[in-house]
């Protein structure tokens, strides 16, 4: 997408971008252009507006125009700017892994609240199964009181992205990204908590997603068998022996299958399971305990 570098102002660059985004059918193209510049420049939309009369930096314009091209091509905003916020973190994102969702921040919040209410000596390990960008693992490392975090990922490409984010964030406790399917890389240790945002959609549900999701986000991170529960069954079948006494398995679920997940957990021998709502009031998170010591 060749484009001459601007000799004018930030405002002129925004005007060019607004026109291109409008031609591509992007809603609110002026607002999108401003947000794109803010994201690639490490600024805020308000600051962009206040400094729009200033000269457009050539390197910033190159990053901006690349992001505009991606957005005009239909890429979700985080993929366009290759950044996403997750809790207190600023993460690298691209099509190697799912874009972190605000709902998943709630899963981390529940885990941190549970862990903070329990005395643990030593602090113990946390595990993030199917880490993607590494968002859950890094949030637990940054905010939790754990001795270390192990993150598993079956996609080598996503695992590489997670390692890039580990290097970017440089958390205060170690985060070890291991390649392998679901729980298999966790063998040989016990964990205070195992957390996961597994794939949980059926093929039909995947087909009904927004075109931008189907076109850009990895299908294998979304679909999990005929009923959407293959990964969930694997977690419920294999996590208990990996937990310390009184440990927790916490995972995200599809809002339509809370009762079924509860039933599957009891069938798999979990003594207690709670289903919790996300920030939109939808049943989204399962917290399961293998024994009575909860």
C-alpha atoms as a PDB file:
ATOM      1  CA  UNK A   1       0.000   0.000   0.000  1.00  0.00           C
ATOM      2  CA  UNK A   2       2.484   2.661  -1.150  1.00  0.00           C
ATOM      3  CA  UNK A   3       1.828   6.147   0.129  1.00  0.00           C
ATOM      4  CA  UNK A   4       3.941   9.263   0.093  1.00  0.00           C
ATOM      5  CA  UNK A   5       4.890  10.478   3.508  1.00  0.00           C
ATOM      6  CA  UNK A   6       3.005  13.621   4.494  1.00  0.00           C
ATOM      7  CA  UNK A   7       4.589  17.029   4.525  1.00  0.00           C
ATOM      8  CA  UNK A   8       1.614  18.558   6.295  1.00  0.00           C
ATOM      9  CA  UNK A   9      -0.044  18.318   9.672  1.00  0.00           C
ATOM     10  CA  UNK A  10      -1.502  15.533  11.770  1.00  0.00           C
ATOM     11  CA  UNK A  11      -4.905  16.958  10.866  1.00  0.00           C
ATOM     12  CA  UNK A  12      -4.199  16.521   7.153  1.00  0.00           C
ATOM     13  CA  UNK A  13      -3.129  12.918   7.745  1.00  0.00           C
ATOM     14  CA  UNK A  14      -6.345  12.330   9.664  1.00  0.00           C
ATOM     15  CA  UNK A  15      -8.331  13.825   6.812  1.00  0.00           C
ATOM     16  CA  UNK A  16      -6.762  11.432   4.299  1.00  0.00           C
ATOM     17  CA  UNK A  17      -7.434   8.505   6.604  1.00  0.00           C
ATOM     18  CA  UNK A  18     -11.028   9.561   7.228  1.00  0.00           C
ATOM     19  CA  UNK A  19     -11.671   9.621   3.484  1.00  0.00           C
ATOM     20  CA  UNK A  20     -10.176   6.177   2.998  1.00  0.00           C
ATOM     21  CA  UNK A  21     -12.074   4.646   5.903  1.00  0.00           C
ATOM     22  CA  UNK A  22     -15.309   6.228   4.729  1.00  0.00           C
ATOM     23  CA  UNK A  23     -14.830   4.756   1.263  1.00  0.00           C
ATOM     24  CA  UNK A  24     -14.292   1.351   2.880  1.00  0.00           C
ATOM     25  CA  UNK A  25     -17.597   1.630   4.748  1.00  0.00           C
ATOM     26  CA  UNK A  26     -16.110   1.946   8.237  1.00  0.00           C
ATOM     27  CA  UNK A  27     -18.577   3.523  10.659  1.00  0.00           C
ATOM     28  CA  UNK A  28     -17.583   6.835  12.270  1.00  0.00           C
ATOM     29  CA  UNK A  29     -14.497   7.167  10.052  1.00  0.00           C
ATOM     30  CA  UNK A  30     -13.299  10.430  11.603  1.00  0.00           C
ATOM     31  CA  UNK A  31     -13.439   8.975  15.093  1.00  0.00           C
ATOM     32  CA  UNK A  32     -11.734   5.787  13.885  1.00  0.00           C
ATOM     33  CA  UNK A  33      -8.939   7.765  12.240  1.00  0.00           C
ATOM     34  CA  UNK A  34      -8.303   9.715  15.426  1.00  0.00           C
ATOM     35  CA  UNK A  35      -8.303   6.542  17.524  1.00  0.00           C
ATOM     36  CA  UNK A  36      -5.907   4.844  15.106  1.00  0.00           C
ATOM     37  CA  UNK A  37      -3.425   7.710  15.292  1.00  0.00           C
ATOM     38  CA  UNK A  38      -3.663   7.756  19.083  1.00  0.00           C
ATOM     39  CA  UNK A  39      -3.020   4.000  19.258  1.00  0.00           C
ATOM     40  CA  UNK A  40       0.043   3.966  17.026  1.00  0.00           C
ATOM     41  CA  UNK A  41       1.468   7.153  18.568  1.00  0.00           C
ATOM     42  CA  UNK A  42       0.937   6.065  22.166  1.00  0.00           C
ATOM     43  CA  UNK A  43      -1.340   9.009  22.816  1.00  0.00           C
ATOM     44  CA  UNK A  44      -5.036   9.610  23.468  1.00  0.00           C
ATOM     45  CA  UNK A  45      -7.754  10.772  21.051  1.00  0.00           C
ATOM     46  CA  UNK A  46      -8.038  13.990  23.058  1.00  0.00           C
ATOM     47  CA  UNK A  47      -4.336  14.712  22.724  1.00  0.00           C
ATOM     48  CA  UNK A  48      -4.466  13.933  19.008  1.00  0.00           C
ATOM     49  CA  UNK A  49      -7.225  16.488  18.575  1.00  0.00           C
ATOM     50  CA  UNK A  50      -5.318  19.131  20.546  1.00  0.00           C
ATOM     51  CA  UNK A  51      -2.117  18.610  18.516  1.00  0.00           C
ATOM     52  CA  UNK A  52      -3.743  18.153  15.103  1.00  0.00           C
ATOM     53  CA  UNK A  53      -2.136  21.350  13.770  1.00  0.00           C
ATOM     54  CA  UNK A  54       1.364  19.999  14.434  1.00  0.00           C
ATOM     55  CA  UNK A  55       3.563  18.364  11.814  1.00  0.00           C
ATOM     56  CA  UNK A  56       2.962  14.671  11.161  1.00  0.00           C
ATOM     57  CA  UNK A  57       6.019  12.617  12.132  1.00  0.00           C
ATOM     58  CA  UNK A  58       7.064  10.437   9.190  1.00  0.00           C
ATOM     59  CA  UNK A  59       7.580   7.246  11.227  1.00  0.00           C
ATOM     60  CA  UNK A  60       4.272   7.719  13.041  1.00  0.00           C
ATOM     61  CA  UNK A  61       2.533   8.283   9.720  1.00  0.00           C
ATOM     62  CA  UNK A  62       3.961   5.040   8.316  1.00  0.00           C
ATOM     63  CA  UNK A  63       2.579   3.094  11.290  1.00  0.00           C
ATOM     64  CA  UNK A  64      -0.694   4.985  11.071  1.00  0.00           C
ATOM     65  CA  UNK A  65      -1.213   4.433   7.374  1.00  0.00           C
ATOM     66  CA  UNK A  66      -0.491   0.723   7.726  1.00  0.00           C
ATOM     67  CA  UNK A  67      -3.113   0.546  10.483  1.00  0.00           C
ATOM     68  CA  UNK A  68      -5.587   2.497   8.353  1.00  0.00           C
ATOM     69  CA  UNK A  69      -5.084   0.024   5.515  1.00  0.00           C
ATOM     70  CA  UNK A  70      -5.758  -2.933   7.807  1.00  0.00           C
ATOM     71  CA  UNK A  71      -8.864  -1.294   9.241  1.00  0.00           C
ATOM     72  CA  UNK A  72     -10.144  -0.382   5.799  1.00  0.00           C
ATOM     73  CA  UNK A  73      -9.654  -4.035   4.853  1.00  0.00           C
ATOM     74  CA  UNK A  74     -11.998  -5.127   7.629  1.00  0.00           C
ATOM     75  CA  UNK A  75      -9.520  -6.036  10.368  1.00  0.00           C
ATOM     76  CA  UNK A  76     -10.763  -5.531  13.937  1.00  0.00           C
ATOM     77  CA  UNK A  77      -9.300  -2.426  15.542  1.00  0.00           C
ATOM     78  CA  UNK A  78      -6.817  -4.286  17.818  1.00  0.00           C
ATOM     79  CA  UNK A  79      -5.438  -6.219  14.853  1.00  0.00           C
ATOM     80  CA  UNK A  80      -5.157  -2.994  12.869  1.00  0.00           C
ATOM     81  CA  UNK A  81      -2.974  -1.349  15.527  1.00  0.00           C
ATOM     82  CA  UNK A  82      -1.476  -4.630  16.818  1.00  0.00           C
ATOM     83  CA  UNK A  83      -2.230  -3.651  20.413  1.00  0.00           C
ATOM     84  CA  UNK A  84      -4.901  -4.471  22.984  1.00  0.00           C
ATOM     85  CA  UNK A  85      -5.462  -3.517  26.601  1.00  0.00           C
ATOM     86  CA  UNK A  86      -6.175  -6.237  29.163  1.00  0.00           C
ATOM     87  CA  UNK A  87      -6.689  -5.137  32.748  1.00  0.00           C
ATOM     88  CA  UNK A  88      -3.517  -3.104  33.442  1.00  0.00           C
ATOM     89  CA  UNK A  89      -1.547  -4.536  30.521  1.00  0.00           C
ATOM     90  CA  UNK A  90      -0.774  -3.266  27.027  1.00  0.00           C
ATOM     91  CA  UNK A  91      -0.299  -6.345  24.853  1.00  0.00           C
ATOM     92  CA  UNK A  92       0.838  -7.154  21.338  1.00  0.00           C
ATOM     93  CA  UNK A  93      -1.950  -8.790  19.319  1.00  0.00           C
ATOM     94  CA  UNK A  94      -2.239 -10.142  15.806  1.00  0.00           C
ATOM     95  CA  UNK A  95      -4.012 -12.924  13.933  1.00  0.00           C
ATOM     96  CA  UNK A  96      -1.920 -15.616  15.671  1.00  0.00           C
ATOM     97  CA  UNK A  97      -4.280 -15.462  18.670  1.00  0.00           C
ATOM     98  CA  UNK A  98      -7.703 -14.260  19.749  1.00  0.00           C
ATOM     99  CA  UNK A  99      -8.129 -10.630  20.718  1.00  0.00           C
ATOM    100  CA  UNK A 100      -8.423 -10.446  24.534  1.00  0.00           C
ATOM    101  CA  UNK A 101     -12.016  -9.699  25.556  1.00  0.00           C
ATOM    102  CA  UNK A 102     -13.199  -7.492  28.430  1.00  0.00           C
ATOM    103  CA  UNK A 103     -15.287 -10.409  29.726  1.00  0.00           C
ATOM    104  CA  UNK A 104     -12.153 -12.445  30.334  1.00  0.00           C
ATOM    105  CA  UNK A 105     -10.855  -9.734  32.643  1.00  0.00           C
ATOM    106  CA  UNK A 106     -13.694 -10.791  34.939  1.00  0.00           C
ATOM    107  CA  UNK A 107     -12.373 -14.359  35.056  1.00  0.00           C
ATOM    108  CA  UNK A 108      -8.993 -13.067  36.216  1.00  0.00           C
ATOM    109  CA  UNK A 109     -10.726 -10.891  38.779  1.00  0.00           C
ATOM    110  CA  UNK A 110     -12.568 -13.868  40.277  1.00  0.00           C
ATOM    111  CA  UNK A 111      -9.355 -15.883  40.504  1.00  0.00           C
ATOM    112  CA  UNK A 112      -7.434 -13.041  42.146  1.00  0.00           C
ATOM    113  CA  UNK A 113     -10.250 -12.469  44.627  1.00  0.00           C
ATOM    114  CA  UNK A 114     -10.311 -16.174  45.538  1.00  0.00           C
ATOM    115  CA  UNK A 115      -6.535 -16.386  45.851  1.00  0.00           C
ATOM    116  CA  UNK A 116      -6.376 -13.210  47.915  1.00  0.00           C
ATOM    117  CA  UNK A 117      -8.841 -14.583  50.444  1.00  0.00           C
ATOM    118  CA  UNK A 118      -6.787 -17.701  51.171  1.00  0.00           C
ATOM    119  CA  UNK A 119      -3.569 -18.115  53.112  1.00  0.00           C
ATOM    120  CA  UNK A 120      -1.018 -20.005  51.039  1.00  0.00           C
ATOM    121  CA  UNK A 121       2.538 -20.840  52.026  1.00  0.00           C
ATOM    122  CA  UNK A 122       4.377 -21.271  49.792  1.00  0.00           C
ATOM    123  CA  UNK A 123       2.523 -19.090  47.316  1.00  0.00           C
ATOM    124  CA  UNK A 124       2.158 -21.857  44.745  1.00  0.00           C
ATOM    125  CA  UNK A 125       1.938 -21.951  40.968  1.00  0.00           C
ATOM    126  CA  UNK A 126      -0.794 -20.742  38.634  1.00  0.00           C
ATOM    127  CA  UNK A 127      -1.443 -22.181  35.190  1.00  0.00           C
ATOM    128  CA  UNK A 128      -3.161 -20.633  32.175  1.00  0.00           C
ATOM    129  CA  UNK A 129      -4.343 -23.297  29.730  1.00  0.00           C
ATOM    130  CA  UNK A 130      -4.635 -22.165  26.104  1.00  0.00           C
ATOM    131  CA  UNK A 131      -2.919 -18.856  26.740  1.00  0.00           C
ATOM    132  CA  UNK A 132      -3.202 -17.221  23.284  1.00  0.00           C
ATOM    133  CA  UNK A 133      -1.695 -13.750  23.683  1.00  0.00           C
ATOM    134  CA  UNK A 134      -0.689 -14.620  27.233  1.00  0.00           C
ATOM    135  CA  UNK A 135      -3.190 -12.156  28.670  1.00  0.00           C
ATOM    136  CA  UNK A 136      -4.478 -14.313  31.562  1.00  0.00           C
ATOM    137  CA  UNK A 137      -1.031 -15.630  32.504  1.00  0.00           C
ATOM    138  CA  UNK A 138       0.499 -12.167  32.499  1.00  0.00           C
ATOM    139  CA  UNK A 139      -2.358 -10.628  34.481  1.00  0.00           C
ATOM    140  CA  UNK A 140      -1.984 -13.357  37.121  1.00  0.00           C
ATOM    141  CA  UNK A 141       1.782 -12.789  37.203  1.00  0.00           C
ATOM    142  CA  UNK A 142       1.426  -9.021  37.444  1.00  0.00           C
ATOM    143  CA  UNK A 143      -1.400  -8.845  39.977  1.00  0.00           C
ATOM    144  CA  UNK A 144      -1.454 -12.165  41.821  1.00  0.00           C
ATOM    145  CA  UNK A 145       0.582 -13.571  44.676  1.00  0.00           C
ATOM    146  CA  UNK A 146       1.980 -16.631  42.907  1.00  0.00           C
ATOM    147  CA  UNK A 147       5.477 -18.105  42.847  1.00  0.00           C
ATOM    148  CA  UNK A 148       5.251 -18.471  39.076  1.00  0.00           C
ATOM    149  CA  UNK A 149       2.866 -18.977  36.182  1.00  0.00           C
ATOM    150  CA  UNK A 150       2.892 -21.701  33.527  1.00  0.00           C
ATOM    151  CA  UNK A 151       1.088 -20.921  30.268  1.00  0.00           C
ATOM    152  CA  UNK A 152       0.205 -23.675  27.788  1.00  0.00           C
ATOM    153  CA  UNK A 153      -0.590 -23.248  24.097  1.00  0.00           C
ATOM    154  CA  UNK A 154      -1.044 -25.828  21.339  1.00  0.00           C
ATOM    155  CA  UNK A 155      -0.444 -23.336  18.507  1.00  0.00           C
ATOM    156  CA  UNK A 156       3.289 -22.657  17.995  1.00  0.00           C
ATOM    157  CA  UNK A 157       2.403 -19.312  16.425  1.00  0.00           C
ATOM    158  CA  UNK A 158       0.287 -18.212  19.392  1.00  0.00           C
ATOM    159  CA  UNK A 159       2.938 -19.482  21.806  1.00  0.00           C
ATOM    160  CA  UNK A 160       5.488 -17.287  20.048  1.00  0.00           C
ATOM    161  CA  UNK A 161       3.181 -14.282  20.449  1.00  0.00           C
ATOM    162  CA  UNK A 162       2.718 -15.068  24.143  1.00  0.00           C
ATOM    163  CA  UNK A 163       6.502 -15.164  24.612  1.00  0.00           C
ATOM    164  CA  UNK A 164       6.777 -11.783  22.903  1.00  0.00           C
ATOM    165  CA  UNK A 165       4.286 -10.402  25.408  1.00  0.00           C
ATOM    166  CA  UNK A 166       6.157 -11.958  28.325  1.00  0.00           C
ATOM    167  CA  UNK A 167       9.269 -10.119  27.148  1.00  0.00           C
ATOM    168  CA  UNK A 168       7.256  -6.931  26.649  1.00  0.00           C
ATOM    169  CA  UNK A 169       5.575  -6.964  30.064  1.00  0.00           C
ATOM    170  CA  UNK A 170       8.556  -8.398  32.024  1.00  0.00           C
ATOM    171  CA  UNK A 171       6.385  -9.533  34.958  1.00  0.00           C
ATOM    172  CA  UNK A 172       7.809  -9.673  38.474  1.00  0.00           C
ATOM    173  CA  UNK A 173       7.362 -13.461  38.669  1.00  0.00           C
ATOM    174  CA  UNK A 174       8.377 -15.908  35.921  1.00  0.00           C
ATOM    175  CA  UNK A 175       5.906 -16.880  33.187  1.00  0.00           C
ATOM    176  CA  UNK A 176       6.875 -20.097  31.404  1.00  0.00           C
ATOM    177  CA  UNK A 177       5.137 -20.572  28.024  1.00  0.00           C
ATOM    178  CA  UNK A 178       4.995 -24.257  27.087  1.00  0.00           C
ATOM    179  CA  UNK A 179       3.734 -25.716  23.836  1.00  0.00           C
ATOM    180  CA  UNK A 180       1.261 -28.581  23.989  1.00  0.00           C
ATOM    181  CA  UNK A 181      -2.449 -29.353  24.047  1.00  0.00           C
ATOM    182  CA  UNK A 182      -4.458 -28.134  27.030  1.00  0.00           C
ATOM    183  CA  UNK A 183      -3.238 -29.742  30.287  1.00  0.00           C
ATOM    184  CA  UNK A 184      -0.487 -31.963  28.870  1.00  0.00           C
ATOM    185  CA  UNK A 185       2.392 -29.476  29.446  1.00  0.00           C
ATOM    186  CA  UNK A 186       1.460 -29.180  33.140  1.00  0.00           C
ATOM    187  CA  UNK A 187       2.483 -32.716  34.136  1.00  0.00           C
ATOM    188  CA  UNK A 188       5.017 -33.054  36.915  1.00  0.00           C
ATOM    189  CA  UNK A 189       3.843 -30.241  39.196  1.00  0.00           C
ATOM    190  CA  UNK A 190       0.880 -29.196  41.347  1.00  0.00           C
ATOM    191  CA  UNK A 191      -0.900 -25.897  40.938  1.00  0.00           C
ATOM    192  CA  UNK A 192      -2.751 -23.613  43.285  1.00  0.00           C
ATOM    193  CA  UNK A 193      -5.051 -22.588  40.452  1.00  0.00           C
ATOM    194  CA  UNK A 194      -5.604 -23.633  36.836  1.00  0.00           C
ATOM    195  CA  UNK A 195      -7.315 -21.034  34.668  1.00  0.00           C
ATOM    196  CA  UNK A 196      -8.507 -21.302  31.074  1.00  0.00           C
ATOM    197  CA  UNK A 197     -10.470 -19.508  28.408  1.00  0.00           C
ATOM    198  CA  UNK A 198     -10.937 -22.587  26.205  1.00  0.00           C
ATOM    199  CA  UNK A 199     -12.697 -22.788  22.845  1.00  0.00           C
ATOM    200  CA  UNK A 200     -16.398 -23.374  23.522  1.00  0.00           C
ATOM    201  CA  UNK A 201     -18.418 -22.831  20.337  1.00  0.00           C
ATOM    202  CA  UNK A 202     -20.102 -25.258  17.953  1.00  0.00           C
ATOM    203  CA  UNK A 203     -19.625 -25.051  14.195  1.00  0.00           C
ATOM    204  CA  UNK A 204     -23.060 -23.481  13.823  1.00  0.00           C
ATOM    205  CA  UNK A 205     -22.332 -20.861  16.468  1.00  0.00           C
ATOM    206  CA  UNK A 206     -19.024 -20.088  14.829  1.00  0.00           C
ATOM    207  CA  UNK A 207     -20.736 -19.627  11.454  1.00  0.00           C
ATOM    208  CA  UNK A 208     -23.095 -17.098  13.068  1.00  0.00           C
ATOM    209  CA  UNK A 209     -20.277 -14.897  14.392  1.00  0.00           C
ATOM    210  CA  UNK A 210     -19.563 -11.482  12.911  1.00  0.00           C
ATOM    211  CA  UNK A 211     -17.679 -11.700   9.593  1.00  0.00           C
ATOM    212  CA  UNK A 212     -14.712  -9.812  11.058  1.00  0.00           C
ATOM    213  CA  UNK A 213     -14.258 -12.515  13.700  1.00  0.00           C
ATOM    214  CA  UNK A 214     -14.479 -15.385  11.200  1.00  0.00           C
ATOM    215  CA  UNK A 215     -12.206 -13.644   8.715  1.00  0.00           C
ATOM    216  CA  UNK A 216      -9.422 -12.669  11.096  1.00  0.00           C
ATOM    217  CA  UNK A 217      -9.454 -14.593  14.395  1.00  0.00           C
ATOM    218  CA  UNK A 218      -8.202 -18.201  14.599  1.00  0.00           C
ATOM    219  CA  UNK A 219     -11.039 -20.720  14.287  1.00  0.00           C
ATOM    220  CA  UNK A 220      -9.259 -23.352  16.389  1.00  0.00           C
ATOM    221  CA  UNK A 221      -9.353 -20.997  19.373  1.00  0.00           C
ATOM    222  CA  UNK A 222     -13.147 -20.746  19.139  1.00  0.00           C
ATOM    223  CA  UNK A 223     -14.628 -24.102  18.047  1.00  0.00           C
ATOM    224  CA  UNK A 224     -14.562 -27.190  20.271  1.00  0.00           C
ATOM    225  CA  UNK A 225     -16.403 -30.201  18.861  1.00  0.00           C
ATOM    226  CA  UNK A 226     -19.998 -30.940  17.960  1.00  0.00           C
ATOM    227  CA  UNK A 227     -21.451 -29.454  21.155  1.00  0.00           C
ATOM    228  CA  UNK A 228     -18.719 -26.910  21.893  1.00  0.00           C
ATOM    229  CA  UNK A 229     -17.608 -28.773  25.013  1.00  0.00           C
ATOM    230  CA  UNK A 230     -14.656 -30.946  23.983  1.00  0.00           C
ATOM    231  CA  UNK A 231     -12.064 -28.693  25.633  1.00  0.00           C
ATOM    232  CA  UNK A 232     -14.265 -28.182  28.689  1.00  0.00           C
ATOM    233  CA  UNK A 233     -14.610 -31.947  29.144  1.00  0.00           C
ATOM    234  CA  UNK A 234     -10.843 -32.348  28.897  1.00  0.00           C
ATOM    235  CA  UNK A 235     -10.287 -29.710  31.592  1.00  0.00           C
ATOM    236  CA  UNK A 236     -12.842 -31.307  33.919  1.00  0.00           C
ATOM    237  CA  UNK A 237     -11.420 -34.791  33.282  1.00  0.00           C
ATOM    238  CA  UNK A 238      -7.769 -33.958  33.854  1.00  0.00           C
ATOM    239  CA  UNK A 239      -7.321 -30.890  36.051  1.00  0.00           C
ATOM    240  CA  UNK A 240      -8.098 -32.284  39.522  1.00  0.00           C
ATOM    241  CA  UNK A 241      -4.928 -34.423  39.908  1.00  0.00           C
ATOM    242  CA  UNK A 242      -2.836 -31.390  38.983  1.00  0.00           C
ATOM    243  CA  UNK A 243      -4.247 -29.159  41.728  1.00  0.00           C
ATOM    244  CA  UNK A 244      -2.926 -28.676  45.227  1.00  0.00           C
ATOM    245  CA  UNK A 245      -5.296 -29.547  48.069  1.00  0.00           C
ATOM    246  CA  UNK A 246      -7.968 -26.849  48.145  1.00  0.00           C
ATOM    247  CA  UNK A 247      -7.009 -25.714  44.635  1.00  0.00           C
ATOM    248  CA  UNK A 248      -9.239 -24.125  42.020  1.00  0.00           C
ATOM    249  CA  UNK A 249     -10.095 -24.775  38.378  1.00  0.00           C
ATOM    250  CA  UNK A 250     -11.535 -21.593  36.817  1.00  0.00           C
ATOM    251  CA  UNK A 251     -12.624 -21.366  33.196  1.00  0.00           C
ATOM    252  CA  UNK A 252     -14.772 -19.407  30.787  1.00  0.00           C
ATOM    253  CA  UNK A 253     -17.952 -20.971  29.371  1.00  0.00           C
ATOM    254  CA  UNK A 254     -20.602 -20.226  26.793  1.00  0.00           C
ATOM    255  CA  UNK A 255     -23.513 -18.388  28.390  1.00  0.00           C
ATOM    256  CA  UNK A 256     -25.990 -20.919  26.933  1.00  0.00           C
ATOM    257  CA  UNK A 257     -24.391 -23.933  28.602  1.00  0.00           C
ATOM    258  CA  UNK A 258     -23.997 -23.077  32.283  1.00  0.00           C
ATOM    259  CA  UNK A 259     -26.344 -25.814  33.526  1.00  0.00           C
ATOM    260  CA  UNK A 260     -24.726 -28.386  31.246  1.00  0.00           C
ATOM    261  CA  UNK A 261     -21.230 -27.455  32.410  1.00  0.00           C
ATOM    262  CA  UNK A 262     -22.352 -27.796  36.016  1.00  0.00           C
ATOM    263  CA  UNK A 263     -23.733 -31.264  35.274  1.00  0.00           C
ATOM    264  CA  UNK A 264     -20.540 -32.310  33.475  1.00  0.00           C
ATOM    265  CA  UNK A 265     -18.451 -31.145  36.414  1.00  0.00           C
ATOM    266  CA  UNK A 266     -20.423 -33.240  38.893  1.00  0.00           C
ATOM    267  CA  UNK A 267     -20.233 -36.254  36.567  1.00  0.00           C
ATOM    268  CA  UNK A 268     -16.443 -35.804  36.462  1.00  0.00           C
ATOM    269  CA  UNK A 269     -16.203 -35.899  40.251  1.00  0.00           C
ATOM    270  CA  UNK A 270     -15.950 -32.208  41.116  1.00  0.00           C
ATOM    271  CA  UNK A 271     -17.589 -31.659  44.488  1.00  0.00           C
ATOM    272  CA  UNK A 272     -18.455 -28.012  44.095  1.00  0.00           C
ATOM    273  CA  UNK A 273     -18.904 -25.760  41.087  1.00  0.00           C
ATOM    274  CA  UNK A 274     -20.131 -22.206  40.901  1.00  0.00           C
ATOM    275  CA  UNK A 275     -21.298 -20.372  37.769  1.00  0.00           C
ATOM    276  CA  UNK A 276     -20.634 -16.628  37.809  1.00  0.00           C
ATOM    277  CA  UNK A 277     -21.872 -13.791  35.591  1.00  0.00           C
ATOM    278  CA  UNK A 278     -19.699 -11.568  33.417  1.00  0.00           C
ATOM    279  CA  UNK A 279     -19.889  -7.773  33.407  1.00  0.00           C
ATOM    280  CA  UNK A 280     -22.932  -7.977  31.105  1.00  0.00           C
ATOM    281  CA  UNK A 281     -24.835 -10.204  33.527  1.00  0.00           C
ATOM    282  CA  UNK A 282     -24.408 -13.389  31.468  1.00  0.00           C
ATOM    283  CA  UNK A 283     -23.343 -16.724  33.026  1.00  0.00           C
ATOM    284  CA  UNK A 284     -19.764 -16.841  31.770  1.00  0.00           C
ATOM    285  CA  UNK A 285     -17.343 -18.285  34.343  1.00  0.00           C
ATOM    286  CA  UNK A 286     -17.116 -21.624  36.141  1.00  0.00           C
ATOM    287  CA  UNK A 287     -15.170 -22.076  39.385  1.00  0.00           C
ATOM    288  CA  UNK A 288     -14.740 -25.730  40.314  1.00  0.00           C
ATOM    289  CA  UNK A 289     -13.254 -27.413  43.386  1.00  0.00           C
ATOM    290  CA  UNK A 290     -12.307 -31.091  43.511  1.00  0.00           C
ATOM    291  CA  UNK A 291     -12.764 -31.572  47.266  1.00  0.00           C
ATOM    292  CA  UNK A 292     -14.586 -30.263  50.302  1.00  0.00           C
ATOM    293  CA  UNK A 293     -11.750 -27.996  51.375  1.00  0.00           C
ATOM    294  CA  UNK A 294     -12.915 -24.821  49.620  1.00  0.00           C
END
